[in-house]
Amino acid sequence: MPIGALPPVHVYSAIVKNAGETEVKVAATYNMPDGTTAVEEITIAGGAEGRLSQKTQEQGTITTTGHIAEVKMSSAKGQSAAAAPFKVDSPTHDYVFTVGEDLSIHH
């Protein structure tokens, strides 16, 4: 890395905490190193948490990683979304998103 260059502010994986009582569906879109996107969908019961896993790609002899570009939440009460950049200073694993009963997203 050149002197003065900053590290990427990417989120590779996340923990989503459902602080409400209503089941929430989560769809995360990942930007992959080869220019494609990948989507992971999980359902989280009220009061529970779920994990958005790290997505990797084999490129020749190396393994590269995608990063989360957007997280969408939906339930019977509506929808909300949060998009990168997230509040990180360097590459991050297990970034925490907390979704409220009103689908507000805190991170």
N, C-alpha and C. Protein backbone atom coordinates (compact mmCIF):
# COMPACT_ATOMS: atom_id res chain seq x y z
N MET A 1 0.86 -1.18 0.00
CA MET A 1 0.00 0.00 0.00
C MET A 1 0.90 1.24 0.00
N PRO A 2 0.64 2.17 -0.90
CA PRO A 2 1.45 3.40 -0.95
C PRO A 2 1.34 4.19 0.36
N ILE A 3 2.39 4.92 0.66
CA ILE A 3 2.37 5.75 1.86
C ILE A 3 1.24 6.76 1.75
N GLY A 4 0.47 6.90 2.81
CA GLY A 4 -0.64 7.84 2.82
C GLY A 4 -1.95 7.24 2.34
N ALA A 5 -1.91 6.03 1.81
CA ALA A 5 -3.15 5.38 1.35
C ALA A 5 -3.92 4.85 2.55
N LEU A 6 -5.21 4.94 2.49
CA LEU A 6 -6.05 4.45 3.57
C LEU A 6 -6.55 3.05 3.24
N PRO A 7 -6.82 2.23 4.27
CA PRO A 7 -7.36 0.89 4.02
C PRO A 7 -8.80 0.99 3.51
N PRO A 8 -9.26 -0.05 2.82
CA PRO A 8 -10.66 -0.02 2.37
C PRO A 8 -11.61 -0.04 3.56
N VAL A 9 -12.71 0.66 3.42
CA VAL A 9 -13.71 0.72 4.51
C VAL A 9 -14.86 -0.23 4.17
N HIS A 10 -14.52 -1.50 4.02
CA HIS A 10 -15.48 -2.51 3.63
C HIS A 10 -15.95 -3.34 4.82
N VAL A 11 -17.19 -3.77 4.74
CA VAL A 11 -17.76 -4.72 5.71
C VAL A 11 -17.87 -6.06 4.99
N TYR A 12 -17.17 -7.07 5.52
CA TYR A 12 -17.12 -8.39 4.88
C TYR A 12 -18.22 -9.33 5.38
N SER A 13 -18.59 -9.20 6.65
CA SER A 13 -19.64 -10.04 7.24
C SER A 13 -20.33 -9.21 8.31
N ALA A 14 -21.53 -9.66 8.71
CA ALA A 14 -22.29 -8.85 9.67
C ALA A 14 -23.14 -9.73 10.57
N ILE A 15 -23.46 -9.19 11.72
CA ILE A 15 -24.43 -9.76 12.64
C ILE A 15 -25.63 -8.81 12.61
N VAL A 16 -26.82 -9.36 12.40
CA VAL A 16 -28.04 -8.55 12.38
C VAL A 16 -28.86 -8.94 13.60
N LYS A 17 -29.11 -7.97 14.47
CA LYS A 17 -29.89 -8.20 15.68
C LYS A 17 -31.29 -7.64 15.48
N ASN A 18 -32.29 -8.47 15.70
CA ASN A 18 -33.68 -8.04 15.59
C ASN A 18 -34.16 -7.65 16.98
N ALA A 19 -34.23 -6.35 17.25
CA ALA A 19 -34.64 -5.87 18.57
C ALA A 19 -36.15 -5.83 18.73
N GLY A 20 -36.87 -6.06 17.64
CA GLY A 20 -38.33 -6.05 17.69
C GLY A 20 -38.90 -7.43 17.97
N GLU A 21 -40.22 -7.51 17.94
CA GLU A 21 -40.92 -8.78 18.18
C GLU A 21 -41.36 -9.44 16.88
N THR A 22 -41.33 -8.71 15.78
CA THR A 22 -41.80 -9.20 14.50
C THR A 22 -40.66 -9.84 13.71
N GLU A 23 -40.92 -10.95 13.04
CA GLU A 23 -39.94 -11.60 12.18
C GLU A 23 -39.50 -10.64 11.07
N VAL A 24 -38.20 -10.63 10.77
CA VAL A 24 -37.63 -9.74 9.76
C VAL A 24 -36.89 -10.57 8.71
N LYS A 25 -37.11 -10.22 7.46
CA LYS A 25 -36.35 -10.83 6.36
C LYS A 25 -35.24 -9.85 5.98
N VAL A 26 -34.06 -10.37 5.81
CA VAL A 26 -32.88 -9.56 5.50
C VAL A 26 -32.30 -10.02 4.18
N ALA A 27 -32.00 -9.08 3.30
CA ALA A 27 -31.32 -9.39 2.03
C ALA A 27 -30.09 -8.50 1.93
N ALA A 28 -28.92 -9.12 1.87
CA ALA A 28 -27.67 -8.37 1.76
C ALA A 28 -27.12 -8.55 0.35
N THR A 29 -26.73 -7.43 -0.26
CA THR A 29 -26.09 -7.46 -1.57
C THR A 29 -24.59 -7.22 -1.38
N TYR A 30 -23.80 -8.11 -1.95
CA TYR A 30 -22.34 -8.03 -1.87
C TYR A 30 -21.77 -7.63 -3.22
N ASN A 31 -20.81 -6.73 -3.24
CA ASN A 31 -20.03 -6.44 -4.44
C ASN A 31 -18.85 -7.40 -4.44
N MET A 32 -18.73 -8.19 -5.50
CA MET A 32 -17.68 -9.19 -5.58
C MET A 32 -16.49 -8.64 -6.38
N PRO A 33 -15.29 -9.17 -6.12
CA PRO A 33 -14.08 -8.66 -6.79
C PRO A 33 -14.10 -8.76 -8.31
N ASP A 34 -14.85 -9.70 -8.86
CA ASP A 34 -14.89 -9.84 -10.32
C ASP A 34 -15.93 -8.94 -10.98
N GLY A 35 -16.55 -8.04 -10.19
CA GLY A 35 -17.52 -7.11 -10.74
C GLY A 35 -18.97 -7.58 -10.67
N THR A 36 -19.18 -8.81 -10.23
CA THR A 36 -20.55 -9.32 -10.09
C THR A 36 -21.09 -8.97 -8.70
N THR A 37 -22.35 -9.30 -8.48
CA THR A 37 -22.93 -9.15 -7.15
C THR A 37 -23.42 -10.51 -6.67
N ALA A 38 -23.50 -10.65 -5.37
CA ALA A 38 -24.06 -11.85 -4.74
C ALA A 38 -25.08 -11.38 -3.71
N VAL A 39 -26.11 -12.18 -3.47
CA VAL A 39 -27.14 -11.82 -2.50
C VAL A 39 -27.28 -12.96 -1.49
N GLU A 40 -27.36 -12.60 -0.23
CA GLU A 40 -27.65 -13.57 0.83
C GLU A 40 -28.93 -13.12 1.51
N GLU A 41 -29.85 -14.07 1.71
CA GLU A 41 -31.12 -13.77 2.38
C GLU A 41 -31.24 -14.63 3.63
N ILE A 42 -31.62 -14.00 4.72
CA ILE A 42 -31.86 -14.71 5.97
C ILE A 42 -33.16 -14.19 6.60
N THR A 43 -33.76 -15.00 7.45
CA THR A 43 -34.95 -14.59 8.21
C THR A 43 -34.59 -14.66 9.68
N ILE A 44 -34.94 -13.60 10.42
CA ILE A 44 -34.59 -13.52 11.83
C ILE A 44 -35.87 -13.35 12.66
N ALA A 45 -36.08 -14.25 13.59
CA ALA A 45 -37.24 -14.17 14.48
C ALA A 45 -37.10 -12.96 15.39
N GLY A 46 -38.23 -12.51 15.93
CA GLY A 46 -38.21 -11.41 16.88
C GLY A 46 -37.31 -11.73 18.07
N GLY A 47 -36.47 -10.77 18.46
CA GLY A 47 -35.59 -10.94 19.60
C GLY A 47 -34.36 -11.80 19.32
N ALA A 48 -34.18 -12.24 18.10
CA ALA A 48 -33.05 -13.12 17.76
C ALA A 48 -32.04 -12.36 16.91
N GLU A 49 -30.99 -13.06 16.52
CA GLU A 49 -30.01 -12.47 15.62
C GLU A 49 -29.61 -13.47 14.56
N GLY A 50 -29.10 -12.94 13.45
CA GLY A 50 -28.66 -13.77 12.34
C GLY A 50 -27.33 -13.28 11.83
N ARG A 51 -26.68 -14.10 11.01
CA ARG A 51 -25.35 -13.77 10.51
C ARG A 51 -25.35 -13.70 8.99
N LEU A 52 -24.76 -12.64 8.47
CA LEU A 52 -24.49 -12.50 7.05
C LEU A 52 -23.04 -12.89 6.85
N SER A 53 -22.81 -13.98 6.14
CA SER A 53 -21.47 -14.55 6.04
C SER A 53 -20.58 -13.79 5.06
N GLN A 54 -19.30 -14.01 5.18
CA GLN A 54 -18.33 -13.47 4.24
C GLN A 54 -18.42 -14.26 2.94
N LYS A 55 -18.37 -13.58 1.81
CA LYS A 55 -18.42 -14.21 0.49
C LYS A 55 -17.03 -14.12 -0.14
N THR A 56 -16.51 -15.24 -0.60
CA THR A 56 -15.19 -15.26 -1.21
C THR A 56 -15.27 -15.82 -2.63
N GLN A 57 -14.22 -15.55 -3.40
CA GLN A 57 -14.08 -16.07 -4.76
C GLN A 57 -12.65 -16.57 -4.94
N GLU A 58 -12.52 -17.68 -5.63
CA GLU A 58 -11.21 -18.18 -6.01
C GLU A 58 -10.84 -17.52 -7.33
N GLN A 59 -9.69 -16.89 -7.37
CA GLN A 59 -9.20 -16.26 -8.60
C GLN A 59 -7.78 -16.75 -8.82
N GLY A 60 -7.68 -17.82 -9.60
CA GLY A 60 -6.37 -18.43 -9.82
C GLY A 60 -5.88 -19.06 -8.53
N THR A 61 -4.76 -18.58 -8.05
CA THR A 61 -4.17 -19.15 -6.83
C THR A 61 -4.49 -18.35 -5.58
N ILE A 62 -5.33 -17.32 -5.70
CA ILE A 62 -5.67 -16.52 -4.52
C ILE A 62 -7.17 -16.56 -4.25
N THR A 63 -7.51 -16.28 -3.02
CA THR A 63 -8.91 -16.15 -2.61
C THR A 63 -9.17 -14.68 -2.32
N THR A 64 -10.17 -14.12 -2.98
CA THR A 64 -10.54 -12.73 -2.76
C THR A 64 -11.90 -12.68 -2.06
N THR A 65 -12.23 -11.52 -1.52
CA THR A 65 -13.48 -11.41 -0.76
C THR A 65 -14.35 -10.27 -1.26
N GLY A 66 -15.65 -10.50 -1.22
CA GLY A 66 -16.61 -9.46 -1.54
C GLY A 66 -16.90 -8.63 -0.30
N HIS A 67 -17.63 -7.55 -0.48
CA HIS A 67 -18.02 -6.73 0.66
C HIS A 67 -19.49 -6.35 0.54
N ILE A 68 -20.11 -6.13 1.69
CA ILE A 68 -21.54 -5.80 1.73
C ILE A 68 -21.75 -4.38 1.22
N ALA A 69 -22.60 -4.27 0.20
CA ALA A 69 -22.90 -2.96 -0.39
C ALA A 69 -24.22 -2.40 0.14
N GLU A 70 -25.18 -3.30 0.46
CA GLU A 70 -26.49 -2.86 0.92
C GLU A 70 -27.15 -3.96 1.73
N VAL A 71 -27.88 -3.54 2.74
CA VAL A 71 -28.67 -4.47 3.55
C VAL A 71 -30.11 -3.96 3.56
N LYS A 72 -31.04 -4.82 3.12
CA LYS A 72 -32.46 -4.46 3.11
C LYS A 72 -33.19 -5.30 4.14
N MET A 73 -34.08 -4.66 4.90
CA MET A 73 -34.90 -5.32 5.91
C MET A 73 -36.35 -5.20 5.49
N SER A 74 -37.12 -6.26 5.70
CA SER A 74 -38.55 -6.18 5.44
C SER A 74 -39.30 -7.06 6.43
N SER A 75 -40.52 -6.64 6.72
CA SER A 75 -41.42 -7.39 7.60
C SER A 75 -42.84 -7.00 7.22
N ALA A 76 -43.79 -7.53 7.97
CA ALA A 76 -45.19 -7.18 7.74
C ALA A 76 -45.42 -5.68 7.97
N LYS A 77 -44.49 -5.02 8.64
CA LYS A 77 -44.64 -3.60 8.96
C LYS A 77 -44.01 -2.66 7.93
N GLY A 78 -43.31 -3.21 6.92
CA GLY A 78 -42.71 -2.34 5.89
C GLY A 78 -41.31 -2.78 5.53
N GLN A 79 -40.51 -1.82 5.03
CA GLN A 79 -39.15 -2.11 4.62
C GLN A 79 -38.23 -0.94 4.93
N SER A 80 -36.93 -1.24 4.97
CA SER A 80 -35.91 -0.21 5.14
C SER A 80 -34.61 -0.75 4.56
N ALA A 81 -33.64 0.14 4.42
CA ALA A 81 -32.36 -0.28 3.86
C ALA A 81 -31.23 0.59 4.40
N ALA A 82 -30.04 0.02 4.38
CA ALA A 82 -28.82 0.76 4.72
C ALA A 82 -27.79 0.40 3.65
N ALA A 83 -27.08 1.41 3.16
CA ALA A 83 -26.10 1.18 2.11
C ALA A 83 -24.72 1.65 2.53
N ALA A 84 -23.70 1.03 1.95
CA ALA A 84 -22.32 1.43 2.20
C ALA A 84 -22.13 2.85 1.67
N PRO A 85 -21.21 3.62 2.25
CA PRO A 85 -20.24 3.19 3.24
C PRO A 85 -20.84 3.15 4.64
N PHE A 86 -20.42 2.14 5.40
CA PHE A 86 -20.86 2.00 6.77
C PHE A 86 -19.84 2.68 7.68
N LYS A 87 -20.11 2.72 8.96
CA LYS A 87 -19.26 3.46 9.90
C LYS A 87 -18.07 2.60 10.36
N VAL A 88 -17.13 2.37 9.42
CA VAL A 88 -15.92 1.62 9.74
C VAL A 88 -14.72 2.38 9.20
N ASP A 89 -13.56 2.14 9.81
CA ASP A 89 -12.33 2.80 9.39
C ASP A 89 -11.39 1.86 8.65
N SER A 90 -11.71 0.57 8.64
CA SER A 90 -10.86 -0.43 8.00
C SER A 90 -11.72 -1.66 7.68
N PRO A 91 -11.19 -2.63 6.95
CA PRO A 91 -11.98 -3.82 6.65
C PRO A 91 -12.51 -4.45 7.94
N THR A 92 -13.79 -4.81 7.93
CA THR A 92 -14.46 -5.24 9.17
C THR A 92 -15.24 -6.53 8.96
N HIS A 93 -15.11 -7.42 9.92
CA HIS A 93 -15.91 -8.65 9.99
C HIS A 93 -16.92 -8.49 11.13
N ASP A 94 -18.07 -9.11 11.00
CA ASP A 94 -19.09 -9.15 12.05
C ASP A 94 -19.55 -7.76 12.50
N TYR A 95 -19.72 -6.88 11.55
CA TYR A 95 -20.28 -5.56 11.81
C TYR A 95 -21.71 -5.74 12.31
N VAL A 96 -22.13 -4.97 13.29
CA VAL A 96 -23.44 -5.17 13.91
C VAL A 96 -24.46 -4.17 13.37
N PHE A 97 -25.56 -4.72 12.86
CA PHE A 97 -26.74 -3.95 12.50
C PHE A 97 -27.83 -4.35 13.49
N THR A 98 -28.53 -3.37 14.06
CA THR A 98 -29.67 -3.66 14.92
C THR A 98 -30.91 -3.07 14.27
N VAL A 99 -31.93 -3.90 14.10
CA VAL A 99 -33.17 -3.44 13.46
C VAL A 99 -34.25 -3.37 14.53
N GLY A 100 -34.94 -2.23 14.58
CA GLY A 100 -36.00 -2.01 15.56
C GLY A 100 -37.35 -2.52 15.07
N GLU A 101 -38.32 -2.51 15.93
CA GLU A 101 -39.68 -2.95 15.58
C GLU A 101 -40.23 -2.14 14.41
N ASP A 102 -39.84 -0.86 14.31
CA ASP A 102 -40.30 0.00 13.22
C ASP A 102 -39.42 -0.13 11.97
N LEU A 103 -38.51 -1.10 11.98
CA LEU A 103 -37.54 -1.37 10.92
C LEU A 103 -36.46 -0.31 10.79
N SER A 104 -36.30 0.55 11.80
CA SER A 104 -35.17 1.46 11.80
C SER A 104 -33.91 0.62 11.95
N ILE A 105 -32.86 1.02 11.24
CA ILE A 105 -31.60 0.27 11.26
C ILE A 105 -30.55 1.13 11.96
N HIS A 106 -29.98 0.56 13.02
CA HIS A 106 -28.91 1.25 13.78
C HIS A 106 -27.62 0.50 13.53
N HIS A 107 -26.58 1.25 13.21
CA HIS A 107 -25.27 0.62 12.99
C HIS A 107 -24.19 1.61 13.28
